[in-house]
Amino acid sequence: MVKDYIKIFSGNLIIAGRIKEELRLIGIMPVVRDESESGRLAGFASPMQGVQEIYVQPTEVDKAKPIVDQLLASFNAEL
């Protein structure tokens, strides 16, 4: 399924949560991949704790990418 989507973000689950909400506000329903949660549910440990990947459909990349870039810039400015 992920092969039909394009990854627009990979990183901290808190930032990923904010990105997901902003995308939903403009009508984009992102797909979130969380290896640590998938491993936990299957009974395995994952070395990538707290990292999520966000994917969108190819037709939504042009709308989604500026939002991701803007949020990442605002988070970096706060640091």
N, C-alpha and C. Protein backbone atom coordinates (compact mmCIF):
# COMPACT_ATOMS: atom_id res chain seq x y z
N MET A 1 0.82 -1.19 0.00
CA MET A 1 0.00 0.00 0.00
C MET A 1 0.86 1.26 0.00
N VAL A 2 1.93 1.28 0.81
CA VAL A 2 2.76 2.47 0.91
C VAL A 2 3.41 2.79 -0.44
N LYS A 3 3.59 1.80 -1.29
CA LYS A 3 4.21 2.05 -2.59
C LYS A 3 3.36 2.98 -3.46
N ASP A 4 2.08 3.06 -3.19
CA ASP A 4 1.19 3.94 -3.95
C ASP A 4 1.14 5.35 -3.37
N TYR A 5 1.87 5.58 -2.29
CA TYR A 5 1.89 6.87 -1.61
C TYR A 5 3.30 7.43 -1.62
N ILE A 6 3.41 8.70 -1.28
CA ILE A 6 4.71 9.37 -1.22
C ILE A 6 4.97 9.84 0.20
N LYS A 7 6.16 9.52 0.71
CA LYS A 7 6.52 9.93 2.07
C LYS A 7 6.85 11.42 2.06
N ILE A 8 6.20 12.16 2.97
CA ILE A 8 6.47 13.59 3.06
C ILE A 8 7.12 13.97 4.39
N PHE A 9 7.16 13.03 5.33
CA PHE A 9 7.77 13.33 6.63
C PHE A 9 8.17 12.03 7.31
N SER A 10 9.28 12.10 8.04
CA SER A 10 9.71 11.03 8.91
C SER A 10 10.38 11.67 10.11
N GLY A 11 9.88 11.35 11.30
CA GLY A 11 10.49 11.93 12.48
C GLY A 11 9.64 11.78 13.73
N ASN A 12 9.88 12.66 14.65
CA ASN A 12 9.28 12.69 15.97
C ASN A 12 7.76 12.57 15.92
N LEU A 13 7.20 11.73 16.80
CA LEU A 13 5.76 11.50 16.78
C LEU A 13 4.96 12.73 17.19
N ILE A 14 5.53 13.63 17.96
CA ILE A 14 4.81 14.84 18.35
C ILE A 14 4.67 15.78 17.15
N ILE A 15 5.74 15.96 16.42
CA ILE A 15 5.68 16.78 15.21
C ILE A 15 4.78 16.11 14.17
N ALA A 16 4.89 14.79 14.07
CA ALA A 16 4.04 14.05 13.13
C ALA A 16 2.57 14.26 13.45
N GLY A 17 2.23 14.27 14.72
CA GLY A 17 0.84 14.50 15.13
C GLY A 17 0.34 15.86 14.69
N ARG A 18 1.17 16.86 14.83
CA ARG A 18 0.79 18.21 14.41
C ARG A 18 0.61 18.28 12.90
N ILE A 19 1.51 17.63 12.17
CA ILE A 19 1.41 17.61 10.71
C ILE A 19 0.13 16.90 10.28
N LYS A 20 -0.18 15.76 10.90
CA LYS A 20 -1.40 15.04 10.57
C LYS A 20 -2.63 15.91 10.74
N GLU A 21 -2.69 16.62 11.85
CA GLU A 21 -3.86 17.47 12.11
C GLU A 21 -3.98 18.60 11.09
N GLU A 22 -2.86 19.23 10.76
CA GLU A 22 -2.89 20.31 9.78
C GLU A 22 -3.31 19.79 8.40
N LEU A 23 -2.85 18.61 8.04
CA LEU A 23 -3.25 18.04 6.75
C LEU A 23 -4.74 17.71 6.73
N ARG A 24 -5.24 17.19 7.83
CA ARG A 24 -6.67 16.86 7.90
C ARG A 24 -7.53 18.11 7.80
N LEU A 25 -7.04 19.22 8.31
CA LEU A 25 -7.81 20.47 8.23
C LEU A 25 -8.02 20.93 6.79
N ILE A 26 -7.12 20.55 5.89
CA ILE A 26 -7.28 20.95 4.49
C ILE A 26 -7.80 19.80 3.63
N GLY A 27 -8.29 18.74 4.29
CA GLY A 27 -8.93 17.66 3.57
C GLY A 27 -8.03 16.53 3.10
N ILE A 28 -6.80 16.48 3.59
CA ILE A 28 -5.87 15.40 3.23
C ILE A 28 -5.86 14.39 4.37
N MET A 29 -6.11 13.13 4.03
CA MET A 29 -6.09 12.06 5.03
C MET A 29 -4.78 11.29 4.87
N PRO A 30 -3.77 11.62 5.67
CA PRO A 30 -2.46 10.98 5.52
C PRO A 30 -2.46 9.55 6.05
N VAL A 31 -1.53 8.77 5.55
CA VAL A 31 -1.28 7.42 6.07
C VAL A 31 -0.07 7.52 6.97
N VAL A 32 -0.19 7.01 8.18
CA VAL A 32 0.90 7.09 9.15
C VAL A 32 1.46 5.70 9.38
N ARG A 33 2.76 5.60 9.29
CA ARG A 33 3.45 4.33 9.53
C ARG A 33 4.30 4.49 10.77
N ASP A 34 4.09 3.61 11.73
CA ASP A 34 4.82 3.66 13.00
C ASP A 34 5.39 2.27 13.27
N GLU A 35 6.67 2.09 12.94
CA GLU A 35 7.31 0.79 13.09
C GLU A 35 7.32 0.31 14.53
N SER A 36 7.52 1.21 15.49
CA SER A 36 7.59 0.78 16.89
C SER A 36 6.23 0.28 17.36
N GLU A 37 5.17 0.93 16.95
CA GLU A 37 3.82 0.49 17.35
C GLU A 37 3.47 -0.83 16.67
N SER A 38 3.82 -0.97 15.40
CA SER A 38 3.56 -2.22 14.69
C SER A 38 4.31 -3.37 15.35
N GLY A 39 5.55 -3.12 15.71
CA GLY A 39 6.34 -4.14 16.38
C GLY A 39 5.78 -4.49 17.74
N ARG A 40 5.36 -3.50 18.48
CA ARG A 40 4.79 -3.73 19.81
C ARG A 40 3.55 -4.60 19.71
N LEU A 41 2.69 -4.28 18.75
CA LEU A 41 1.47 -5.05 18.59
C LEU A 41 1.75 -6.50 18.17
N ALA A 42 2.84 -6.71 17.46
CA ALA A 42 3.21 -8.05 17.01
C ALA A 42 4.05 -8.79 18.06
N GLY A 43 4.46 -8.08 19.11
CA GLY A 43 5.25 -8.71 20.16
C GLY A 43 6.75 -8.60 19.97
N PHE A 44 7.19 -7.67 19.13
CA PHE A 44 8.61 -7.48 18.87
C PHE A 44 9.03 -6.07 19.27
N ALA A 45 10.29 -5.94 19.61
CA ALA A 45 10.83 -4.61 19.92
C ALA A 45 11.33 -3.96 18.65
N SER A 46 11.26 -2.63 18.61
CA SER A 46 11.75 -1.89 17.45
C SER A 46 12.84 -0.93 17.90
N PRO A 47 13.91 -0.81 17.14
CA PRO A 47 14.97 0.14 17.51
C PRO A 47 14.58 1.59 17.24
N MET A 48 13.51 1.84 16.51
CA MET A 48 13.10 3.20 16.14
C MET A 48 11.91 3.66 16.97
N GLN A 49 12.10 3.86 18.25
CA GLN A 49 11.02 4.28 19.13
C GLN A 49 10.64 5.73 18.88
N GLY A 50 9.35 5.99 18.73
CA GLY A 50 8.86 7.36 18.61
C GLY A 50 9.03 7.99 17.24
N VAL A 51 9.32 7.20 16.22
CA VAL A 51 9.50 7.74 14.87
C VAL A 51 8.29 7.33 14.02
N GLN A 52 7.69 8.30 13.38
CA GLN A 52 6.57 8.03 12.49
C GLN A 52 6.87 8.56 11.10
N GLU A 53 6.29 7.89 10.12
CA GLU A 53 6.40 8.33 8.74
C GLU A 53 5.00 8.71 8.27
N ILE A 54 4.92 9.81 7.52
CA ILE A 54 3.64 10.27 7.00
C ILE A 54 3.68 10.20 5.48
N TYR A 55 2.66 9.57 4.93
CA TYR A 55 2.53 9.39 3.49
C TYR A 55 1.24 10.03 3.01
N VAL A 56 1.26 10.56 1.78
CA VAL A 56 0.05 11.08 1.15
C VAL A 56 -0.01 10.54 -0.28
N GLN A 57 -1.17 10.67 -0.88
CA GLN A 57 -1.32 10.26 -2.27
C GLN A 57 -0.53 11.20 -3.16
N PRO A 58 -0.04 10.69 -4.29
CA PRO A 58 0.76 11.53 -5.20
C PRO A 58 0.05 12.82 -5.62
N THR A 59 -1.26 12.78 -5.75
CA THR A 59 -2.01 13.98 -6.16
C THR A 59 -2.11 15.03 -5.06
N GLU A 60 -1.75 14.65 -3.83
CA GLU A 60 -1.86 15.58 -2.69
C GLU A 60 -0.52 16.17 -2.26
N VAL A 61 0.56 15.73 -2.86
CA VAL A 61 1.89 16.17 -2.45
C VAL A 61 2.05 17.68 -2.58
N ASP A 62 1.58 18.26 -3.67
CA ASP A 62 1.73 19.70 -3.89
C ASP A 62 1.03 20.53 -2.82
N LYS A 63 -0.06 20.02 -2.25
CA LYS A 63 -0.76 20.73 -1.18
C LYS A 63 -0.14 20.44 0.18
N ALA A 64 0.36 19.22 0.36
CA ALA A 64 0.85 18.79 1.67
C ALA A 64 2.26 19.27 1.98
N LYS A 65 3.13 19.25 1.01
CA LYS A 65 4.55 19.56 1.25
C LYS A 65 4.77 20.97 1.81
N PRO A 66 4.08 22.01 1.30
CA PRO A 66 4.28 23.34 1.89
C PRO A 66 3.87 23.42 3.36
N ILE A 67 2.85 22.66 3.73
CA ILE A 67 2.42 22.65 5.13
C ILE A 67 3.49 22.00 6.01
N VAL A 68 4.05 20.90 5.55
CA VAL A 68 5.11 20.23 6.29
C VAL A 68 6.32 21.16 6.42
N ASP A 69 6.71 21.78 5.33
CA ASP A 69 7.86 22.69 5.35
C ASP A 69 7.64 23.85 6.31
N GLN A 70 6.44 24.41 6.29
CA GLN A 70 6.12 25.54 7.16
C GLN A 70 6.16 25.13 8.64
N LEU A 71 5.57 23.98 8.96
CA LEU A 71 5.59 23.53 10.35
C LEU A 71 6.99 23.20 10.82
N LEU A 72 7.78 22.55 9.98
CA LEU A 72 9.15 22.24 10.37
C LEU A 72 9.98 23.52 10.57
N ALA A 73 9.75 24.51 9.73
CA ALA A 73 10.46 25.79 9.90
C ALA A 73 10.06 26.45 11.20
N SER A 74 8.78 26.40 11.56
CA SER A 74 8.34 27.03 12.80
C SER A 74 8.89 26.27 14.02
N PHE A 75 8.96 24.94 13.94
CA PHE A 75 9.54 24.17 15.05
C PHE A 75 11.03 24.47 15.18
N ASN A 76 11.74 24.57 14.07
CA ASN A 76 13.18 24.87 14.10
C ASN A 76 13.44 26.28 14.61
N ALA A 77 12.56 27.21 14.30
CA ALA A 77 12.72 28.59 14.77
C ALA A 77 12.55 28.67 16.28
N GLU A 78 11.72 27.80 16.85
CA GLU A 78 11.51 27.80 18.29
C GLU A 78 12.69 27.22 19.05
N LEU A 79 13.50 26.42 18.36
CA LEU A 79 14.67 25.81 19.03
C LEU A 79 15.75 26.81 19.08
